Amino acid sequence: AAQLGFDSPQFKSLVEVISRKTVEAPSLARVAVEFFVQLWNAEIPGA
């Protein structure tokens, strides 16, 4: 979804999905860490 842009409806929706208060903290942390590491190794430094 991030490939579509930080302001794309898909990315915004999934960010809201993973961060809902009903989502367990360990699950959220795991997804966020994996996503951030993947981003930091990707060729999209501007976004």
ModelCIF file with pLDDT and N, C-alpha, C, O atoms, coordinates in Angstrom:
data_MODEL
#
_entry.id   MODEL 
#
_entity.id                         1 
_entity.type                       polymer 
_entity.pdbx_number_of_molecules   1 
#
_entity_poly.entity_id                      1 
_entity_poly.type                           'polypeptide(L)' 
_entity_poly.nstd_linkage                   no 
_entity_poly.nstd_monomer                   no 
_entity_poly.pdbx_seq_one_letter_code       AAQLGFDSPQFKSLVEVISRKTVEAPSLARVAVEFFVQLWNAEIPGA 
_entity_poly.pdbx_seq_one_letter_code_can   AAQLGFDSPQFKSLVEVISRKTVEAPSLARVAVEFFVQLWNAEIPGA 
_entity_poly.pdbx_strand_id                 A 
#
loop_
_entity_poly_seq.entity_id 
_entity_poly_seq.num 
_entity_poly_seq.mon_id 
_entity_poly_seq.hetero 
1 1  ALA n 
1 2  ALA n 
1 3  GLN n 
1 4  LEU n 
1 5  GLY n 
1 6  PHE n 
1 7  ASP n 
1 8  SER n 
1 9  PRO n 
1 10 GLN n 
1 11 PHE n 
1 12 LYS n 
1 13 SER n 
1 14 LEU n 
1 15 VAL n 
1 16 GLU n 
1 17 VAL n 
1 18 ILE n 
1 19 SER n 
1 20 ARG n 
1 21 LYS n 
1 22 THR n 
1 23 VAL n 
1 24 GLU n 
1 25 ALA n 
1 26 PRO n 
1 27 SER n 
1 28 LEU n 
1 29 ALA n 
1 30 ARG n 
1 31 VAL n 
1 32 ALA n 
1 33 VAL n 
1 34 GLU n 
1 35 PHE n 
1 36 PHE n 
1 37 VAL n 
1 38 GLN n 
1 39 LEU n 
1 40 TRP n 
1 41 ASN n 
1 42 ALA n 
1 43 GLU n 
1 44 ILE n 
1 45 PRO n 
1 46 GLY n 
1 47 ALA n 
#
_struct_asym.id          A 
_struct_asym.entity_id   1 
#
loop_
_ma_qa_metric.id 
_ma_qa_metric.mode 
_ma_qa_metric.name 
_ma_qa_metric.software_group_id 
_ma_qa_metric.type 
1 global pLDDT . pLDDT 
2 local  pLDDT . pLDDT 
#
_ma_qa_metric_global.metric_id      1 
_ma_qa_metric_global.metric_value   91.38 
_ma_qa_metric_global.model_id       1 
_ma_qa_metric_global.ordinal_id     1 
#
loop_
_ma_qa_metric_local.label_asym_id 
_ma_qa_metric_local.label_comp_id 
_ma_qa_metric_local.label_seq_id 
_ma_qa_metric_local.metric_id 
_ma_qa_metric_local.metric_value 
_ma_qa_metric_local.model_id 
_ma_qa_metric_local.ordinal_id 
A ALA 1  2 95.00 1 1  
A ALA 2  2 94.00 1 2  
A GLN 3  2 91.00 1 3  
A LEU 4  2 91.00 1 4  
A GLY 5  2 89.00 1 5  
A PHE 6  2 89.00 1 6  
A ASP 7  2 91.00 1 7  
A SER 8  2 94.00 1 8  
A PRO 9  2 95.00 1 9  
A GLN 10 2 96.00 1 10 
A PHE 11 2 96.00 1 11 
A LYS 12 2 96.00 1 12 
A SER 13 2 96.00 1 13 
A LEU 14 2 97.00 1 14 
A VAL 15 2 97.00 1 15 
A GLU 16 2 96.00 1 16 
A VAL 17 2 95.00 1 17 
A ILE 18 2 96.00 1 18 
A SER 19 2 95.00 1 19 
A ARG 20 2 93.00 1 20 
A LYS 21 2 93.00 1 21 
A THR 22 2 91.00 1 22 
A VAL 23 2 93.00 1 23 
A GLU 24 2 95.00 1 24 
A ALA 25 2 96.00 1 25 
A PRO 26 2 96.00 1 26 
A SER 27 2 96.00 1 27 
A LEU 28 2 97.00 1 28 
A ALA 29 2 97.00 1 29 
A ARG 30 2 97.00 1 30 
A VAL 31 2 97.00 1 31 
A ALA 32 2 97.00 1 32 
A VAL 33 2 97.00 1 33 
A GLU 34 2 97.00 1 34 
A PHE 35 2 97.00 1 35 
A PHE 36 2 96.00 1 36 
A VAL 37 2 94.00 1 37 
A GLN 38 2 92.00 1 38 
A LEU 39 2 92.00 1 39 
A TRP 40 2 90.00 1 40 
A ASN 41 2 84.00 1 41 
A ALA 42 2 82.00 1 42 
A GLU 43 2 71.00 1 43 
A ILE 44 2 68.00 1 44 
A PRO 45 2 56.00 1 45 
A GLY 46 2 65.00 1 46 
A ALA 47 2 87.00 1 47 
#
loop_
_atom_site.group_PDB 
_atom_site.id 
_atom_site.type_symbol 
_atom_site.label_atom_id 
_atom_site.label_alt_id 
_atom_site.label_comp_id 
_atom_site.label_asym_id 
_atom_site.label_entity_id 
_atom_site.label_seq_id 
_atom_site.pdbx_PDB_ins_code 
_atom_site.Cartn_x 
_atom_site.Cartn_y 
_atom_site.Cartn_z 
_atom_site.occupancy 
_atom_site.B_iso_or_equiv 
_atom_site.pdbx_formal_charge 
_atom_site.auth_seq_id 
_atom_site.auth_comp_id 
_atom_site.auth_asym_id 
_atom_site.auth_atom_id 
_atom_site.pdbx_PDB_model_num 
ATOM 1   N N  . ALA A 1 1  ? 0.834  -1.208 0.000  1.00 95.00 ? 1  ALA A N  1 
ATOM 2   C CA . ALA A 1 1  ? 0.000  0.000  0.000  1.00 95.00 ? 1  ALA A CA 1 
ATOM 3   C C  . ALA A 1 1  ? 0.867  1.256  0.000  1.00 95.00 ? 1  ALA A C  1 
ATOM 4   O O  . ALA A 1 1  ? 0.488  2.281  -0.567 1.00 95.00 ? 1  ALA A O  1 
ATOM 5   N N  . ALA A 1 2  ? 2.036  1.167  0.643  1.00 94.00 ? 2  ALA A N  1 
ATOM 6   C CA . ALA A 1 2  ? 2.943  2.322  0.704  1.00 94.00 ? 2  ALA A CA 1 
ATOM 7   C C  . ALA A 1 2  ? 3.452  2.704  -0.677 1.00 94.00 ? 2  ALA A C  1 
ATOM 8   O O  . ALA A 1 2  ? 3.768  3.868  -0.922 1.00 94.00 ? 2  ALA A O  1 
ATOM 9   N N  . GLN A 1 3  ? 3.533  1.738  -1.577 1.00 91.00 ? 3  GLN A N  1 
ATOM 10  C CA . GLN A 1 3  ? 3.989  2.034  -2.932 1.00 91.00 ? 3  GLN A CA 1 
ATOM 11  C C  . GLN A 1 3  ? 3.028  2.969  -3.657 1.00 91.00 ? 3  GLN A C  1 
ATOM 12  O O  . GLN A 1 3  ? 3.387  3.612  -4.643 1.00 91.00 ? 3  GLN A O  1 
ATOM 13  N N  . LEU A 1 4  ? 1.795  3.032  -3.147 1.00 91.00 ? 4  LEU A N  1 
ATOM 14  C CA . LEU A 1 4  ? 0.777  3.891  -3.752 1.00 91.00 ? 4  LEU A CA 1 
ATOM 15  C C  . LEU A 1 4  ? 0.825  5.314  -3.196 1.00 91.00 ? 4  LEU A C  1 
ATOM 16  O O  . LEU A 1 4  ? 0.143  6.211  -3.689 1.00 91.00 ? 4  LEU A O  1 
ATOM 17  N N  . GLY A 1 5  ? 1.648  5.502  -2.154 1.00 89.00 ? 5  GLY A N  1 
ATOM 18  C CA . GLY A 1 5  ? 1.800  6.833  -1.583 1.00 89.00 ? 5  GLY A CA 1 
ATOM 19  C C  . GLY A 1 5  ? 1.268  6.927  -0.165 1.00 89.00 ? 5  GLY A C  1 
ATOM 20  O O  . GLY A 1 5  ? 0.312  6.239  0.193  1.00 89.00 ? 5  GLY A O  1 
ATOM 21  N N  . PHE A 1 6  ? 1.891  7.785  0.646  1.00 89.00 ? 6  PHE A N  1 
ATOM 22  C CA . PHE A 1 6  ? 1.484  7.913  2.048  1.00 89.00 ? 6  PHE A CA 1 
ATOM 23  C C  . PHE A 1 6  ? 0.076  8.489  2.187  1.00 89.00 ? 6  PHE A C  1 
ATOM 24  O O  . PHE A 1 6  ? -0.569 8.312  3.221  1.00 89.00 ? 6  PHE A O  1 
ATOM 25  N N  . ASP A 1 7  ? -0.406 9.182  1.141  1.00 91.00 ? 7  ASP A N  1 
ATOM 26  C CA . ASP A 1 7  ? -1.740 9.776  1.208  1.00 91.00 ? 7  ASP A CA 1 
ATOM 27  C C  . ASP A 1 7  ? -2.764 8.972  0.397  1.00 91.00 ? 7  ASP A C  1 
ATOM 28  O O  . ASP A 1 7  ? -3.875 9.446  0.159  1.00 91.00 ? 7  ASP A O  1 
ATOM 29  N N  . SER A 1 8  ? -2.393 7.758  -0.028 1.00 94.00 ? 8  SER A N  1 
ATOM 30  C CA . SER A 1 8  ? -3.337 6.928  -0.783 1.00 94.00 ? 8  SER A CA 1 
ATOM 31  C C  . SER A 1 8  ? -4.402 6.374  0.169  1.00 94.00 ? 8  SER A C  1 
ATOM 32  O O  . SER A 1 8  ? -4.107 6.130  1.339  1.00 94.00 ? 8  SER A O  1 
ATOM 33  N N  . PRO A 1 9  ? -5.618 6.173  -0.306 1.00 95.00 ? 9  PRO A N  1 
ATOM 34  C CA . PRO A 1 9  ? -6.670 5.603  0.552  1.00 95.00 ? 9  PRO A CA 1 
ATOM 35  C C  . PRO A 1 9  ? -6.293 4.240  1.102  1.00 95.00 ? 9  PRO A C  1 
ATOM 36  O O  . PRO A 1 9  ? -6.634 3.906  2.237  1.00 95.00 ? 9  PRO A O  1 
ATOM 37  N N  . GLN A 1 10 ? -5.579 3.444  0.290  1.00 96.00 ? 10 GLN A N  1 
ATOM 38  C CA . GLN A 1 10 ? -5.201 2.101  0.739  1.00 96.00 ? 10 GLN A CA 1 
ATOM 39  C C  . GLN A 1 10 ? -4.242 2.169  1.927  1.00 96.00 ? 10 GLN A C  1 
ATOM 40  O O  . GLN A 1 10 ? -4.425 1.465  2.920  1.00 96.00 ? 10 GLN A O  1 
ATOM 41  N N  . PHE A 1 11 ? -3.227 3.013  1.820  1.00 96.00 ? 11 PHE A N  1 
ATOM 42  C CA . PHE A 1 11 ? -2.248 3.105  2.905  1.00 96.00 ? 11 PHE A CA 1 
ATOM 43  C C  . PHE A 1 11 ? -2.898 3.671  4.164  1.00 96.00 ? 11 PHE A C  1 
ATOM 44  O O  . PHE A 1 11 ? -2.681 3.155  5.260  1.00 96.00 ? 11 PHE A O  1 
ATOM 45  N N  . LYS A 1 12 ? -3.677 4.710  4.017  1.00 96.00 ? 12 LYS A N  1 
ATOM 46  C CA . LYS A 1 12 ? -4.340 5.321  5.168  1.00 96.00 ? 12 LYS A CA 1 
ATOM 47  C C  . LYS A 1 12 ? -5.244 4.311  5.876  1.00 96.00 ? 12 LYS A C  1 
ATOM 48  O O  . LYS A 1 12 ? -5.280 4.250  7.105  1.00 96.00 ? 12 LYS A O  1 
ATOM 49  N N  . SER A 1 13 ? -5.965 3.531  5.095  1.00 96.00 ? 13 SER A N  1 
ATOM 50  C CA . SER A 1 13 ? -6.878 2.546  5.676  1.00 96.00 ? 13 SER A CA 1 
ATOM 51  C C  . SER A 1 13 ? -6.121 1.473  6.453  1.00 96.00 ? 13 SER A C  1 
ATOM 52  O O  . SER A 1 13 ? -6.508 1.127  7.569  1.00 96.00 ? 13 SER A O  1 
ATOM 53  N N  . LEU A 1 14 ? -5.037 0.943  5.867  1.00 97.00 ? 14 LEU A N  1 
ATOM 54  C CA . LEU A 1 14 ? -4.296 -0.121 6.543  1.00 97.00 ? 14 LEU A CA 1 
ATOM 55  C C  . LEU A 1 14 ? -3.564 0.390  7.776  1.00 97.00 ? 14 LEU A C  1 
ATOM 56  O O  . LEU A 1 14 ? -3.419 -0.343 8.754  1.00 97.00 ? 14 LEU A O  1 
ATOM 57  N N  . VAL A 1 15 ? -3.101 1.634  7.742  1.00 97.00 ? 15 VAL A N  1 
ATOM 58  C CA . VAL A 1 15 ? -2.485 2.225  8.939  1.00 97.00 ? 15 VAL A CA 1 
ATOM 59  C C  . VAL A 1 15 ? -3.504 2.278  10.065 1.00 97.00 ? 15 VAL A C  1 
ATOM 60  O O  . VAL A 1 15 ? -3.191 1.966  11.214 1.00 97.00 ? 15 VAL A O  1 
ATOM 61  N N  . GLU A 1 16 ? -4.720 2.672  9.729  1.00 96.00 ? 16 GLU A N  1 
ATOM 62  C CA . GLU A 1 16 ? -5.781 2.725  10.738 1.00 96.00 ? 16 GLU A CA 1 
ATOM 63  C C  . GLU A 1 16 ? -6.113 1.327  11.244 1.00 96.00 ? 16 GLU A C  1 
ATOM 64  O O  . GLU A 1 16 ? -6.369 1.137  12.433 1.00 96.00 ? 16 GLU A O  1 
ATOM 65  N N  . VAL A 1 17 ? -6.111 0.355  10.349 1.00 95.00 ? 17 VAL A N  1 
ATOM 66  C CA . VAL A 1 17 ? -6.429 -1.031 10.715 1.00 95.00 ? 17 VAL A CA 1 
ATOM 67  C C  . VAL A 1 17 ? -5.421 -1.587 11.713 1.00 95.00 ? 17 VAL A C  1 
ATOM 68  O O  . VAL A 1 17 ? -5.811 -2.185 12.716 1.00 95.00 ? 17 VAL A O  1 
ATOM 69  N N  . ILE A 1 18 ? -4.135 -1.398 11.450 1.00 96.00 ? 18 ILE A N  1 
ATOM 70  C CA . ILE A 1 18 ? -3.119 -2.002 12.317 1.00 96.00 ? 18 ILE A CA 1 
ATOM 71  C C  . ILE A 1 18 ? -2.963 -1.277 13.644 1.00 96.00 ? 18 ILE A C  1 
ATOM 72  O O  . ILE A 1 18 ? -2.433 -1.846 14.598 1.00 96.00 ? 18 ILE A O  1 
ATOM 73  N N  . SER A 1 19 ? -3.420 -0.018 13.719 1.00 95.00 ? 19 SER A N  1 
ATOM 74  C CA . SER A 1 19 ? -3.200 0.776  14.930 1.00 95.00 ? 19 SER A CA 1 
ATOM 75  C C  . SER A 1 19 ? -4.433 0.903  15.822 1.00 95.00 ? 19 SER A C  1 
ATOM 76  O O  . SER A 1 19 ? -4.396 1.593  16.841 1.00 95.00 ? 19 SER A O  1 
ATOM 77  N N  . ARG A 1 20 ? -5.515 0.244  15.443 1.00 93.00 ? 20 ARG A N  1 
ATOM 78  C CA . ARG A 1 20 ? -6.728 0.323  16.264 1.00 93.00 ? 20 ARG A CA 1 
ATOM 79  C C  . ARG A 1 20 ? -6.446 -0.109 17.700 1.00 93.00 ? 20 ARG A C  1 
ATOM 80  O O  . ARG A 1 20 ? -5.573 -0.940 17.954 1.00 93.00 ? 20 ARG A O  1 
ATOM 81  N N  . LYS A 1 21 ? -7.185 0.458  18.616 1.00 93.00 ? 21 LYS A N  1 
ATOM 82  C CA . LYS A 1 21 ? -6.975 0.164  20.033 1.00 93.00 ? 21 LYS A CA 1 
ATOM 83  C C  . LYS A 1 21 ? -7.270 -1.292 20.367 1.00 93.00 ? 21 LYS A C  1 
ATOM 84  O O  . LYS A 1 21 ? -6.805 -1.800 21.387 1.00 93.00 ? 21 LYS A O  1 
ATOM 85  N N  . THR A 1 22 ? -8.038 -1.969 19.515 1.00 91.00 ? 22 THR A N  1 
ATOM 86  C CA . THR A 1 22 ? -8.359 -3.380 19.749 1.00 91.00 ? 22 THR A CA 1 
ATOM 87  C C  . THR A 1 22 ? -7.227 -4.317 19.311 1.00 91.00 ? 22 THR A C  1 
ATOM 88  O O  . THR A 1 22 ? -7.238 -5.501 19.645 1.00 91.00 ? 22 THR A O  1 
ATOM 89  N N  . VAL A 1 23 ? -6.257 -3.789 18.569 1.00 93.00 ? 23 VAL A N  1 
ATOM 90  C CA . VAL A 1 23 ? -5.129 -4.609 18.108 1.00 93.00 ? 23 VAL A CA 1 
ATOM 91  C C  . VAL A 1 23 ? -4.147 -4.799 19.258 1.00 93.00 ? 23 VAL A C  1 
ATOM 92  O O  . VAL A 1 23 ? -3.768 -3.835 19.923 1.00 93.00 ? 23 VAL A O  1 
ATOM 93  N N  . GLU A 1 24 ? -3.739 -6.036 19.489 1.00 95.00 ? 24 GLU A N  1 
ATOM 94  C CA . GLU A 1 24 ? -2.807 -6.321 20.577 1.00 95.00 ? 24 GLU A CA 1 
ATOM 95  C C  . GLU A 1 24 ? -1.460 -5.671 20.305 1.00 95.00 ? 24 GLU A C  1 
ATOM 96  O O  . GLU A 1 24 ? -0.970 -5.667 19.176 1.00 95.00 ? 24 GLU A O  1 
ATOM 97  N N  . ALA A 1 25 ? -0.867 -5.118 21.368 1.00 96.00 ? 25 ALA A N  1 
ATOM 98  C CA . ALA A 1 25 ? 0.390  -4.378 21.239 1.00 96.00 ? 25 ALA A CA 1 
ATOM 99  C C  . ALA A 1 25 ? 1.507  -5.201 20.588 1.00 96.00 ? 25 ALA A C  1 
ATOM 100 O O  . ALA A 1 25 ? 2.186  -4.675 19.706 1.00 96.00 ? 25 ALA A O  1 
ATOM 101 N N  . PRO A 1 26 ? 1.734  -6.469 20.976 1.00 96.00 ? 26 PRO A N  1 
ATOM 102 C CA . PRO A 1 26 ? 2.813  -7.245 20.340 1.00 96.00 ? 26 PRO A CA 1 
ATOM 103 C C  . PRO A 1 26 ? 2.619  -7.413 18.836 1.00 96.00 ? 26 PRO A C  1 
ATOM 104 O O  . PRO A 1 26 ? 3.582  -7.364 18.070 1.00 96.00 ? 26 PRO A O  1 
ATOM 105 N N  . SER A 1 27 ? 1.371  -7.613 18.419 1.00 96.00 ? 27 SER A N  1 
ATOM 106 C CA . SER A 1 27 ? 1.086  -7.765 16.979 1.00 96.00 ? 27 SER A CA 1 
ATOM 107 C C  . SER A 1 27 ? 1.378  -6.471 16.233 1.00 96.00 ? 27 SER A C  1 
ATOM 108 O O  . SER A 1 27 ? 1.986  -6.486 15.162 1.00 96.00 ? 27 SER A O  1 
ATOM 109 N N  . LEU A 1 28 ? 0.941  -5.353 16.802 1.00 97.00 ? 28 LEU A N  1 
ATOM 110 C CA . LEU A 1 28 ? 1.187  -4.056 16.184 1.00 97.00 ? 28 LEU A CA 1 
ATOM 111 C C  . LEU A 1 28 ? 2.681  -3.777 16.103 1.00 97.00 ? 28 LEU A C  1 
ATOM 112 O O  . LEU A 1 28 ? 3.179  -3.328 15.071 1.00 97.00 ? 28 LEU A O  1 
ATOM 113 N N  . ALA A 1 29 ? 3.391  -4.042 17.189 1.00 97.00 ? 29 ALA A N  1 
ATOM 114 C CA . ALA A 1 29 ? 4.837  -3.782 17.218 1.00 97.00 ? 29 ALA A CA 1 
ATOM 115 C C  . ALA A 1 29 ? 5.559  -4.609 16.164 1.00 97.00 ? 29 ALA A C  1 
ATOM 116 O O  . ALA A 1 29 ? 6.452  -4.102 15.485 1.00 97.00 ? 29 ALA A O  1 
ATOM 117 N N  . ARG A 1 30 ? 5.185  -5.869 16.019 1.00 97.00 ? 30 ARG A N  1 
ATOM 118 C CA . ARG A 1 30 ? 5.845  -6.744 15.044 1.00 97.00 ? 30 ARG A CA 1 
ATOM 119 C C  . ARG A 1 30 ? 5.637  -6.241 13.629 1.00 97.00 ? 30 ARG A C  1 
ATOM 120 O O  . ARG A 1 30 ? 6.584  -6.171 12.845 1.00 97.00 ? 30 ARG A O  1 
ATOM 121 N N  . VAL A 1 31 ? 4.397  -5.888 13.296 1.00 97.00 ? 31 VAL A N  1 
ATOM 122 C CA . VAL A 1 31 ? 4.104  -5.392 11.947 1.00 97.00 ? 31 VAL A CA 1 
ATOM 123 C C  . VAL A 1 31 ? 4.841  -4.085 11.680 1.00 97.00 ? 31 VAL A C  1 
ATOM 124 O O  . VAL A 1 31 ? 5.413  -3.900 10.606 1.00 97.00 ? 31 VAL A O  1 
ATOM 125 N N  . ALA A 1 32 ? 4.829  -3.179 12.655 1.00 97.00 ? 32 ALA A N  1 
ATOM 126 C CA . ALA A 1 32 ? 5.483  -1.878 12.473 1.00 97.00 ? 32 ALA A CA 1 
ATOM 127 C C  . ALA A 1 32 ? 6.987  -2.034 12.278 1.00 97.00 ? 32 ALA A C  1 
ATOM 128 O O  . ALA A 1 32 ? 7.569  -1.402 11.397 1.00 97.00 ? 32 ALA A O  1 
ATOM 129 N N  . VAL A 1 33 ? 7.618  -2.875 13.098 1.00 97.00 ? 33 VAL A N  1 
ATOM 130 C CA . VAL A 1 33 ? 9.063  -3.080 12.994 1.00 97.00 ? 33 VAL A CA 1 
ATOM 131 C C  . VAL A 1 33 ? 9.421  -3.657 11.633 1.00 97.00 ? 33 VAL A C  1 
ATOM 132 O O  . VAL A 1 33 ? 10.333 -3.165 10.969 1.00 97.00 ? 33 VAL A O  1 
ATOM 133 N N  . GLU A 1 34 ? 8.713  -4.692 11.216 1.00 97.00 ? 34 GLU A N  1 
ATOM 134 C CA . GLU A 1 34 ? 8.993  -5.313 9.918  1.00 97.00 ? 34 GLU A CA 1 
ATOM 135 C C  . GLU A 1 34 ? 8.804  -4.309 8.778  1.00 97.00 ? 34 GLU A C  1 
ATOM 136 O O  . GLU A 1 34 ? 9.594  -4.266 7.836  1.00 97.00 ? 34 GLU A O  1 
ATOM 137 N N  . PHE A 1 35 ? 7.751  -3.511 8.882  1.00 97.00 ? 35 PHE A N  1 
ATOM 138 C CA . PHE A 1 35 ? 7.458  -2.527 7.840  1.00 97.00 ? 35 PHE A CA 1 
ATOM 139 C C  . PHE A 1 35 ? 8.542  -1.452 7.794  1.00 97.00 ? 35 PHE A C  1 
ATOM 140 O O  . PHE A 1 35 ? 9.002  -1.091 6.711  1.00 97.00 ? 35 PHE A O  1 
ATOM 141 N N  . PHE A 1 36 ? 8.953  -0.937 8.946  1.00 96.00 ? 36 PHE A N  1 
ATOM 142 C CA . PHE A 1 36 ? 9.968  0.114  8.985  1.00 96.00 ? 36 PHE A CA 1 
ATOM 143 C C  . PHE A 1 36 ? 11.311 -0.382 8.467  1.00 96.00 ? 36 PHE A C  1 
ATOM 144 O O  . PHE A 1 36 ? 11.998 0.332  7.737  1.00 96.00 ? 36 PHE A O  1 
ATOM 145 N N  . VAL A 1 37 ? 11.687 -1.594 8.838  1.00 94.00 ? 37 VAL A N  1 
ATOM 146 C CA . VAL A 1 37 ? 12.951 -2.160 8.355  1.00 94.00 ? 37 VAL A CA 1 
ATOM 147 C C  . VAL A 1 37 ? 12.898 -2.330 6.844  1.00 94.00 ? 37 VAL A C  1 
ATOM 148 O O  . VAL A 1 37 ? 13.869 -2.045 6.143  1.00 94.00 ? 37 VAL A O  1 
ATOM 149 N N  . GLN A 1 38 ? 11.755 -2.797 6.348  1.00 92.00 ? 38 GLN A N  1 
ATOM 150 C CA . GLN A 1 38 ? 11.585 -2.967 4.904  1.00 92.00 ? 38 GLN A CA 1 
ATOM 151 C C  . GLN A 1 38 ? 11.686 -1.617 4.193  1.00 92.00 ? 38 GLN A C  1 
ATOM 152 O O  . GLN A 1 38 ? 12.307 -1.508 3.136  1.00 92.00 ? 38 GLN A O  1 
ATOM 153 N N  . LEU A 1 39 ? 11.073 -0.597 4.781  1.00 92.00 ? 39 LEU A N  1 
ATOM 154 C CA . LEU A 1 39 ? 11.125 0.742  4.193  1.00 92.00 ? 39 LEU A CA 1 
ATOM 155 C C  . LEU A 1 39 ? 12.541 1.282  4.168  1.00 92.00 ? 39 LEU A C  1 
ATOM 156 O O  . LEU A 1 39 ? 12.966 1.893  3.187  1.00 92.00 ? 39 LEU A O  1 
ATOM 157 N N  . TRP A 1 40 ? 13.274 1.053  5.257  1.00 90.00 ? 40 TRP A N  1 
ATOM 158 C CA . TRP A 1 40 ? 14.628 1.616  5.361  1.00 90.00 ? 40 TRP A CA 1 
ATOM 159 C C  . TRP A 1 40 ? 15.595 0.952  4.389  1.00 90.00 ? 40 TRP A C  1 
ATOM 160 O O  . TRP A 1 40 ? 16.680 1.475  4.132  1.00 90.00 ? 40 TRP A O  1 
ATOM 161 N N  . ASN A 1 41 ? 15.204 -0.192 3.850  1.00 84.00 ? 41 ASN A N  1 
ATOM 162 C CA . ASN A 1 41 ? 16.037 -0.868 2.858  1.00 84.00 ? 41 ASN A CA 1 
ATOM 163 C C  . ASN A 1 41 ? 15.526 -0.653 1.437  1.00 84.00 ? 41 ASN A C  1 
ATOM 164 O O  . ASN A 1 41 ? 16.107 -1.161 0.477  1.00 84.00 ? 41 ASN A O  1 
ATOM 165 N N  . ALA A 1 42 ? 14.436 0.103  1.309  1.00 82.00 ? 42 ALA A N  1 
ATOM 166 C CA . ALA A 1 42 ? 13.835 0.318  -0.009 1.00 82.00 ? 42 ALA A CA 1 
ATOM 167 C C  . ALA A 1 42 ? 14.381 1.583  -0.649 1.00 82.00 ? 42 ALA A C  1 
ATOM 168 O O  . ALA A 1 42 ? 14.933 2.454  0.023  1.00 82.00 ? 42 ALA A O  1 
ATOM 169 N N  . GLU A 1 43 ? 14.215 1.663  -1.956 1.00 71.00 ? 43 GLU A N  1 
ATOM 170 C CA . GLU A 1 43 ? 14.711 2.813  -2.715 1.00 71.00 ? 43 GLU A CA 1 
ATOM 171 C C  . GLU A 1 43 ? 13.653 3.903  -2.822 1.00 71.00 ? 43 GLU A C  1 
ATOM 172 O O  . GLU A 1 43 ? 13.339 4.372  -3.916 1.00 71.00 ? 43 GLU A O  1 
ATOM 173 N N  . ILE A 1 44 ? 13.106 4.301  -1.673 1.00 68.00 ? 44 ILE A N  1 
ATOM 174 C CA . ILE A 1 44 ? 12.100 5.375  -1.689 1.00 68.00 ? 44 ILE A CA 1 
ATOM 175 C C  . ILE A 1 44 ? 12.416 6.381  -0.571 1.00 68.00 ? 44 ILE A C  1 
ATOM 176 O O  . ILE A 1 44 ? 11.549 6.675  0.252  1.00 68.00 ? 44 ILE A O  1 
ATOM 177 N N  . PRO A 1 45 ? 13.645 6.909  -0.532 1.00 56.00 ? 45 PRO A N  1 
ATOM 178 C CA . PRO A 1 45 ? 14.045 7.784  0.567  1.00 56.00 ? 45 PRO A CA 1 
ATOM 179 C C  . PRO A 1 45 ? 13.187 9.036  0.716  1.00 56.00 ? 45 PRO A C  1 
ATOM 180 O O  . PRO A 1 45 ? 12.998 9.524  1.830  1.00 56.00 ? 45 PRO A O  1 
ATOM 181 N N  . GLY A 1 46 ? 12.661 9.567  -0.399 1.00 65.00 ? 46 GLY A N  1 
ATOM 182 C CA . GLY A 1 46 ? 11.893 10.800 -0.321 1.00 65.00 ? 46 GLY A CA 1 
ATOM 183 C C  . GLY A 1 46 ? 10.608 10.650 0.476  1.00 65.00 ? 46 GLY A C  1 
ATOM 184 O O  . GLY A 1 46 ? 10.223 11.544 1.228  1.00 65.00 ? 46 GLY A O  1 
ATOM 185 N N  . ALA A 1 47 ? 9.944  9.501  0.304  1.00 87.00 ? 47 ALA A N  1 
ATOM 186 C CA . ALA A 1 47 ? 8.653  9.280  0.965  1.00 87.00 ? 47 ALA A CA 1 
ATOM 187 C C  . ALA A 1 47 ? 8.787  8.503  2.274  1.00 87.00 ? 47 ALA A C  1 
ATOM 188 O O  . ALA A 1 47 ? 7.787  8.241  2.942  1.00 87.00 ? 47 ALA A O  1 
#
